[in-house]
N, C-alpha and C. Protein backbone atom coordinates (compact mmCIF):
# COMPACT_ATOMS: atom_id res chain seq x y z
N MET A 1 124.07 82.01 132.45
CA MET A 1 124.11 82.33 133.86
C MET A 1 123.54 81.12 134.61
N SER A 2 124.11 80.88 135.77
CA SER A 2 123.67 79.72 136.56
C SER A 2 122.31 79.98 137.19
N GLU A 3 121.66 78.89 137.58
CA GLU A 3 120.34 78.98 138.20
C GLU A 3 120.41 79.72 139.54
N LYS A 4 121.51 79.54 140.25
CA LYS A 4 121.69 80.20 141.54
C LYS A 4 121.69 81.73 141.35
N LEU A 5 122.44 82.21 140.34
CA LEU A 5 122.48 83.66 140.07
C LEU A 5 121.13 84.18 139.59
N THR A 6 120.46 83.40 138.79
CA THR A 6 119.14 83.79 138.30
C THR A 6 118.18 83.96 139.47
N ASN A 7 118.22 83.04 140.44
CA ASN A 7 117.35 83.13 141.62
C ASN A 7 117.67 84.38 142.44
N ILE A 8 118.96 84.67 142.60
CA ILE A 8 119.36 85.86 143.37
C ILE A 8 118.84 87.12 142.69
N ILE A 9 118.99 87.19 141.38
CA ILE A 9 118.53 88.37 140.63
C ILE A 9 117.02 88.52 140.76
N GLU A 10 116.29 87.44 140.67
CA GLU A 10 114.84 87.50 140.82
C GLU A 10 114.44 88.00 142.20
N GLN A 11 115.18 87.56 143.23
CA GLN A 11 114.90 88.02 144.59
C GLN A 11 115.22 89.52 144.73
N LEU A 12 116.31 89.94 144.10
CA LEU A 12 116.67 91.37 144.16
C LEU A 12 115.61 92.24 143.49
N LYS A 13 115.02 91.75 142.42
CA LYS A 13 113.97 92.50 141.72
C LYS A 13 112.76 92.75 142.61
N SER A 14 112.52 91.86 143.55
CA SER A 14 111.33 91.98 144.40
C SER A 14 111.55 92.88 145.62
N LEU A 15 112.79 93.35 145.85
CA LEU A 15 113.08 94.20 147.01
C LEU A 15 112.50 95.60 146.85
N THR A 16 112.08 96.16 147.98
CA THR A 16 111.68 97.56 147.98
C THR A 16 112.94 98.42 148.03
N LEU A 17 112.81 99.69 147.83
CA LEU A 17 113.96 100.59 147.86
C LEU A 17 114.61 100.60 149.24
N LEU A 18 113.82 100.58 150.28
CA LEU A 18 114.35 100.55 151.65
C LEU A 18 115.12 99.26 151.90
N GLU A 19 114.56 98.14 151.46
CA GLU A 19 115.24 96.85 151.63
C GLU A 19 116.55 96.82 150.84
N ALA A 20 116.55 97.38 149.65
CA ALA A 20 117.77 97.41 148.83
C ALA A 20 118.86 98.24 149.51
N ALA A 21 118.48 99.36 150.11
CA ALA A 21 119.44 100.21 150.83
C ALA A 21 120.01 99.46 152.03
N GLU A 22 119.16 98.73 152.74
CA GLU A 22 119.62 97.93 153.88
C GLU A 22 120.57 96.83 153.42
N LEU A 23 120.28 96.23 152.27
CA LEU A 23 121.13 95.17 151.72
C LEU A 23 122.52 95.72 151.40
N VAL A 24 122.57 96.89 150.80
CA VAL A 24 123.86 97.51 150.46
C VAL A 24 124.66 97.77 151.73
N THR A 25 124.02 98.31 152.74
CA THR A 25 124.70 98.58 154.02
C THR A 25 125.24 97.28 154.62
N GLU A 26 124.46 96.24 154.58
CA GLU A 26 124.86 94.95 155.14
C GLU A 26 126.02 94.35 154.35
N ILE A 27 125.99 94.47 153.02
CA ILE A 27 127.09 93.97 152.19
C ILE A 27 128.39 94.71 152.51
N GLU A 28 128.29 96.02 152.73
CA GLU A 28 129.47 96.81 153.09
C GLU A 28 130.08 96.30 154.40
N LYS A 29 129.21 96.03 155.38
CA LYS A 29 129.69 95.56 156.69
C LYS A 29 130.32 94.17 156.59
N VAL A 30 129.61 93.25 155.97
CA VAL A 30 130.04 91.85 155.93
C VAL A 30 131.32 91.67 155.12
N PHE A 31 131.39 92.32 153.95
CA PHE A 31 132.52 92.09 153.07
C PHE A 31 133.59 93.19 153.16
N GLY A 32 133.35 94.22 153.97
CA GLY A 32 134.32 95.29 154.14
C GLY A 32 134.61 96.05 152.86
N VAL A 33 133.57 96.35 152.09
CA VAL A 33 133.73 97.08 150.83
C VAL A 33 133.07 98.44 150.92
N ASP A 34 133.48 99.32 150.02
CA ASP A 34 132.89 100.66 149.95
C ASP A 34 132.12 100.75 148.64
N THR A 35 130.82 100.92 148.70
CA THR A 35 130.00 100.96 147.49
C THR A 35 129.85 102.36 146.93
N SER A 36 130.54 103.32 147.54
CA SER A 36 130.44 104.69 147.00
C SER A 36 131.08 104.78 145.62
N VAL A 37 132.06 103.93 145.31
CA VAL A 37 132.62 103.83 143.97
C VAL A 37 131.96 102.63 143.33
N SER A 38 130.97 102.89 142.52
CA SER A 38 130.19 101.79 141.97
C SER A 38 130.80 101.26 140.69
N VAL A 39 130.35 100.11 140.28
CA VAL A 39 130.79 99.50 139.03
C VAL A 39 130.40 100.40 137.86
N ALA A 40 129.26 101.06 137.96
CA ALA A 40 128.82 101.96 136.90
C ALA A 40 129.81 103.10 136.72
N SER A 41 130.35 103.60 137.83
CA SER A 41 131.33 104.69 137.75
C SER A 41 132.60 104.21 137.09
N VAL A 42 133.04 103.02 137.41
CA VAL A 42 134.25 102.46 136.80
C VAL A 42 134.02 102.27 135.31
N GLY A 43 132.86 101.76 134.95
CA GLY A 43 132.53 101.59 133.53
C GLY A 43 132.43 102.92 132.83
N ALA A 44 131.93 103.94 133.52
CA ALA A 44 131.81 105.27 132.93
C ALA A 44 133.17 105.86 132.63
N VAL A 45 134.14 105.62 133.51
CA VAL A 45 135.50 106.13 133.28
C VAL A 45 136.08 105.51 132.02
N ALA A 46 135.80 104.25 131.80
CA ALA A 46 136.30 103.56 130.61
C ALA A 46 135.64 104.08 129.34
N ASN A 47 134.44 104.64 129.46
CA ASN A 47 133.71 105.11 128.29
C ASN A 47 133.73 106.62 128.12
N ILE A 48 134.69 107.30 128.70
CA ILE A 48 134.73 108.77 128.62
C ILE A 48 134.75 109.27 127.18
N PRO A 49 135.57 108.72 126.26
CA PRO A 49 135.53 109.23 124.88
C PRO A 49 134.15 109.08 124.25
N ALA A 50 133.49 107.97 124.47
CA ALA A 50 132.16 107.76 123.91
C ALA A 50 131.16 108.74 124.50
N GLN A 51 131.28 108.99 125.81
CA GLN A 51 130.37 109.93 126.46
C GLN A 51 130.62 111.35 125.97
N ALA A 52 131.87 111.72 125.76
CA ALA A 52 132.19 113.07 125.27
C ALA A 52 131.59 113.28 123.89
N ALA A 53 131.66 112.27 123.04
CA ALA A 53 131.08 112.37 121.71
C ALA A 53 129.56 112.52 121.79
N ALA A 54 128.95 111.80 122.71
CA ALA A 54 127.50 111.89 122.88
C ALA A 54 127.10 113.26 123.39
N VAL A 55 127.89 113.82 124.31
CA VAL A 55 127.60 115.15 124.85
C VAL A 55 127.71 116.19 123.74
N GLU A 56 128.74 116.07 122.89
CA GLU A 56 128.89 117.02 121.79
C GLU A 56 127.70 116.95 120.85
N ALA A 57 127.22 115.75 120.59
CA ALA A 57 126.09 115.61 119.69
C ALA A 57 124.82 116.20 120.29
N VAL A 58 124.68 116.11 121.61
CA VAL A 58 123.49 116.60 122.27
C VAL A 58 123.56 118.11 122.53
N GLU A 59 124.77 118.61 122.73
CA GLU A 59 124.94 120.03 123.03
C GLU A 59 124.33 120.88 121.94
N GLU A 60 123.64 121.90 122.35
CA GLU A 60 123.02 122.79 121.40
C GLU A 60 124.06 123.74 120.85
N LYS A 61 123.97 123.98 119.57
CA LYS A 61 124.89 124.89 118.92
C LYS A 61 124.68 126.28 119.48
N SER A 62 125.77 127.00 119.77
CA SER A 62 125.64 128.32 120.39
C SER A 62 125.97 129.46 119.46
N GLN A 63 126.61 129.18 118.33
CA GLN A 63 126.93 130.24 117.38
C GLN A 63 126.45 129.84 116.00
N PHE A 64 125.89 130.82 115.29
CA PHE A 64 125.30 130.56 113.99
C PHE A 64 125.81 131.57 112.97
N ASP A 65 125.83 131.14 111.70
CA ASP A 65 126.07 132.03 110.59
C ASP A 65 124.71 132.35 109.99
N VAL A 66 124.44 133.63 109.77
CA VAL A 66 123.17 134.06 109.20
C VAL A 66 123.40 134.31 107.71
N ILE A 67 122.72 133.53 106.87
CA ILE A 67 122.91 133.61 105.43
C ILE A 67 121.61 134.06 104.78
N LEU A 68 121.70 135.16 104.05
CA LEU A 68 120.55 135.65 103.28
C LEU A 68 120.46 134.77 102.05
N SER A 69 119.39 133.98 101.93
CA SER A 69 119.32 132.99 100.86
C SER A 69 118.39 133.35 99.71
N ASP A 70 117.40 134.23 99.95
CA ASP A 70 116.49 134.59 98.87
C ASP A 70 115.89 135.97 99.13
N VAL A 71 115.86 136.78 98.06
CA VAL A 71 115.26 138.12 98.15
C VAL A 71 114.35 138.30 96.94
N PRO A 72 113.03 138.35 97.16
CA PRO A 72 112.12 138.61 96.05
C PRO A 72 112.36 140.03 95.50
N ALA A 73 112.22 140.18 94.20
CA ALA A 73 112.52 141.47 93.55
C ALA A 73 111.69 142.61 94.14
N ASP A 74 110.44 142.36 94.48
CA ASP A 74 109.58 143.43 94.99
C ASP A 74 109.84 143.75 96.47
N LYS A 75 110.72 143.01 97.13
CA LYS A 75 111.01 143.23 98.56
C LYS A 75 112.44 143.71 98.80
N LYS A 76 113.18 144.00 97.74
CA LYS A 76 114.61 144.33 97.88
C LYS A 76 114.86 145.55 98.77
N ILE A 77 114.07 146.59 98.62
CA ILE A 77 114.33 147.82 99.38
C ILE A 77 114.14 147.58 100.87
N ALA A 78 113.06 146.90 101.25
CA ALA A 78 112.81 146.63 102.67
C ALA A 78 113.91 145.75 103.26
N ILE A 79 114.33 144.74 102.52
CA ILE A 79 115.38 143.85 103.00
C ILE A 79 116.72 144.58 103.03
N LEU A 80 116.97 145.44 102.05
CA LEU A 80 118.20 146.23 102.02
C LEU A 80 118.35 147.07 103.29
N LYS A 81 117.26 147.67 103.74
CA LYS A 81 117.30 148.47 104.97
C LYS A 81 117.67 147.61 106.18
N ILE A 82 117.10 146.42 106.24
CA ILE A 82 117.41 145.51 107.36
C ILE A 82 118.86 145.07 107.30
N VAL A 83 119.34 144.73 106.11
CA VAL A 83 120.73 144.31 105.94
C VAL A 83 121.68 145.41 106.39
N ARG A 84 121.38 146.66 106.04
CA ARG A 84 122.21 147.79 106.47
C ARG A 84 122.23 147.90 107.99
N ASN A 85 121.08 147.76 108.63
CA ASN A 85 121.01 147.86 110.09
C ASN A 85 121.75 146.71 110.77
N VAL A 86 121.60 145.52 110.23
CA VAL A 86 122.19 144.33 110.84
C VAL A 86 123.70 144.32 110.68
N THR A 87 124.18 144.65 109.49
CA THR A 87 125.61 144.53 109.21
C THR A 87 126.40 145.79 109.51
N GLY A 88 125.72 146.94 109.48
CA GLY A 88 126.44 148.20 109.67
C GLY A 88 127.18 148.64 108.42
N LEU A 89 126.91 147.99 107.28
CA LEU A 89 127.57 148.33 106.03
C LEU A 89 126.89 149.52 105.37
N GLY A 90 127.56 150.07 104.41
CA GLY A 90 127.00 151.18 103.65
C GLY A 90 125.98 150.70 102.65
N LEU A 91 125.38 151.66 101.94
CA LEU A 91 124.32 151.35 100.98
C LEU A 91 124.83 150.45 99.85
N LYS A 92 125.98 150.78 99.29
CA LYS A 92 126.52 150.01 98.16
C LYS A 92 126.83 148.57 98.57
N GLU A 93 127.51 148.40 99.70
CA GLU A 93 127.87 147.05 100.16
C GLU A 93 126.63 146.22 100.48
N SER A 94 125.65 146.86 101.10
CA SER A 94 124.41 146.17 101.44
C SER A 94 123.65 145.78 100.17
N LYS A 95 123.65 146.67 99.18
CA LYS A 95 122.99 146.37 97.91
C LYS A 95 123.66 145.19 97.21
N ASP A 96 125.00 145.13 97.28
CA ASP A 96 125.73 144.01 96.68
C ASP A 96 125.30 142.68 97.32
N ILE A 97 125.12 142.68 98.64
CA ILE A 97 124.67 141.47 99.33
C ILE A 97 123.28 141.08 98.87
N VAL A 98 122.36 142.03 98.85
CA VAL A 98 120.97 141.75 98.48
C VAL A 98 120.87 141.30 97.03
N ASP A 99 121.69 141.86 96.15
CA ASP A 99 121.63 141.50 94.73
C ASP A 99 122.32 140.18 94.41
N ASN A 100 123.19 139.70 95.28
CA ASN A 100 123.97 138.50 94.99
C ASN A 100 123.78 137.42 96.05
N VAL A 101 122.53 137.01 96.27
CA VAL A 101 122.26 135.98 97.26
C VAL A 101 122.60 134.62 96.67
N PRO A 102 122.95 133.63 97.46
CA PRO A 102 123.08 133.62 98.91
C PRO A 102 124.38 134.27 99.37
N LYS A 103 124.28 135.06 100.42
CA LYS A 103 125.42 135.76 101.03
C LYS A 103 125.31 135.68 102.54
N THR A 104 126.46 135.58 103.19
CA THR A 104 126.49 135.55 104.65
C THR A 104 126.38 136.98 105.17
N LEU A 105 125.40 137.20 106.02
CA LEU A 105 125.22 138.52 106.63
C LEU A 105 126.12 138.68 107.86
N LYS A 106 126.07 137.68 108.74
CA LYS A 106 126.86 137.71 109.97
C LYS A 106 127.34 136.31 110.27
N GLU A 107 128.53 136.23 110.85
CA GLU A 107 129.10 134.94 111.22
C GLU A 107 129.25 134.84 112.73
N ALA A 108 129.07 133.64 113.23
CA ALA A 108 129.29 133.32 114.65
C ALA A 108 128.53 134.25 115.60
N VAL A 109 127.23 134.38 115.36
CA VAL A 109 126.39 135.19 116.25
C VAL A 109 125.59 134.27 117.16
N SER A 110 125.10 134.82 118.26
CA SER A 110 124.34 134.03 119.22
C SER A 110 123.02 133.56 118.62
N LYS A 111 122.44 132.56 119.25
CA LYS A 111 121.17 132.03 118.79
C LYS A 111 120.09 133.11 118.80
N GLU A 112 120.06 133.89 119.87
CA GLU A 112 119.04 134.93 120.00
C GLU A 112 119.17 135.96 118.88
N GLU A 113 120.39 136.42 118.65
CA GLU A 113 120.62 137.43 117.61
C GLU A 113 120.28 136.87 116.23
N SER A 114 120.68 135.63 115.96
CA SER A 114 120.41 135.03 114.66
C SER A 114 118.90 134.86 114.43
N GLU A 115 118.18 134.47 115.48
CA GLU A 115 116.72 134.33 115.37
C GLU A 115 116.06 135.69 115.13
N THR A 116 116.56 136.73 115.79
CA THR A 116 116.01 138.07 115.61
C THR A 116 116.20 138.54 114.17
N ILE A 117 117.41 138.36 113.63
CA ILE A 117 117.70 138.75 112.25
C ILE A 117 116.80 137.97 111.29
N LYS A 118 116.68 136.68 111.53
CA LYS A 118 115.86 135.83 110.66
C LYS A 118 114.41 136.31 110.66
N LYS A 119 113.87 136.62 111.84
CA LYS A 119 112.48 137.08 111.92
C LYS A 119 112.28 138.39 111.18
N GLU A 120 113.24 139.32 111.34
CA GLU A 120 113.12 140.62 110.66
C GLU A 120 113.11 140.46 109.15
N ILE A 121 114.05 139.67 108.63
CA ILE A 121 114.15 139.52 107.18
C ILE A 121 112.97 138.74 106.63
N GLU A 122 112.53 137.71 107.35
CA GLU A 122 111.37 136.96 106.88
C GLU A 122 110.09 137.79 106.93
N ALA A 123 109.99 138.69 107.91
CA ALA A 123 108.83 139.58 107.98
C ALA A 123 108.81 140.54 106.79
N ALA A 124 110.01 140.87 106.29
CA ALA A 124 110.11 141.76 105.13
C ALA A 124 109.95 141.00 103.81
N GLY A 125 109.89 139.66 103.85
CA GLY A 125 109.66 138.88 102.66
C GLY A 125 110.85 138.08 102.16
N GLY A 126 111.99 138.17 102.83
CA GLY A 126 113.17 137.43 102.41
C GLY A 126 113.28 136.09 103.10
N LYS A 127 114.30 135.34 102.71
CA LYS A 127 114.54 134.04 103.34
C LYS A 127 115.96 134.01 103.88
N VAL A 128 116.08 133.40 105.08
CA VAL A 128 117.37 133.32 105.77
C VAL A 128 117.62 131.88 106.15
N THR A 129 118.89 131.48 106.06
CA THR A 129 119.32 130.17 106.51
C THR A 129 120.29 130.36 107.65
N LEU A 130 120.13 129.57 108.71
CA LEU A 130 121.05 129.60 109.85
C LEU A 130 121.91 128.36 109.81
N LYS A 131 123.21 128.54 109.87
CA LYS A 131 124.13 127.38 109.88
C LYS A 131 125.06 127.48 111.04
């Protein structure tokens, strides 16, 4: 970068916010430009795919699969009752789930519901994985 541009940048760094706003207004008048469409906005339009990927990565997952991953032998009956309540299955089907872990209890449930199920089963002595 040339020395002239370096000097201008250094001067811009020393401006107050009010002075910078006045400078923008003056540039609009002198050069007949509209600064409402900024260079950053133009650059942002060019980077939409990259931004979409970043948003997806940051977005919090909204649906979870609740997987019963471990049931201690001495806690099977208590966990069996919870599994029946959560899934709405009969005694035999619920027993099959409890006896053959890891098994998916519910798929695509809300975060709140999945956390509630996890707390109930963990309070009864079992282990749950949320995916």
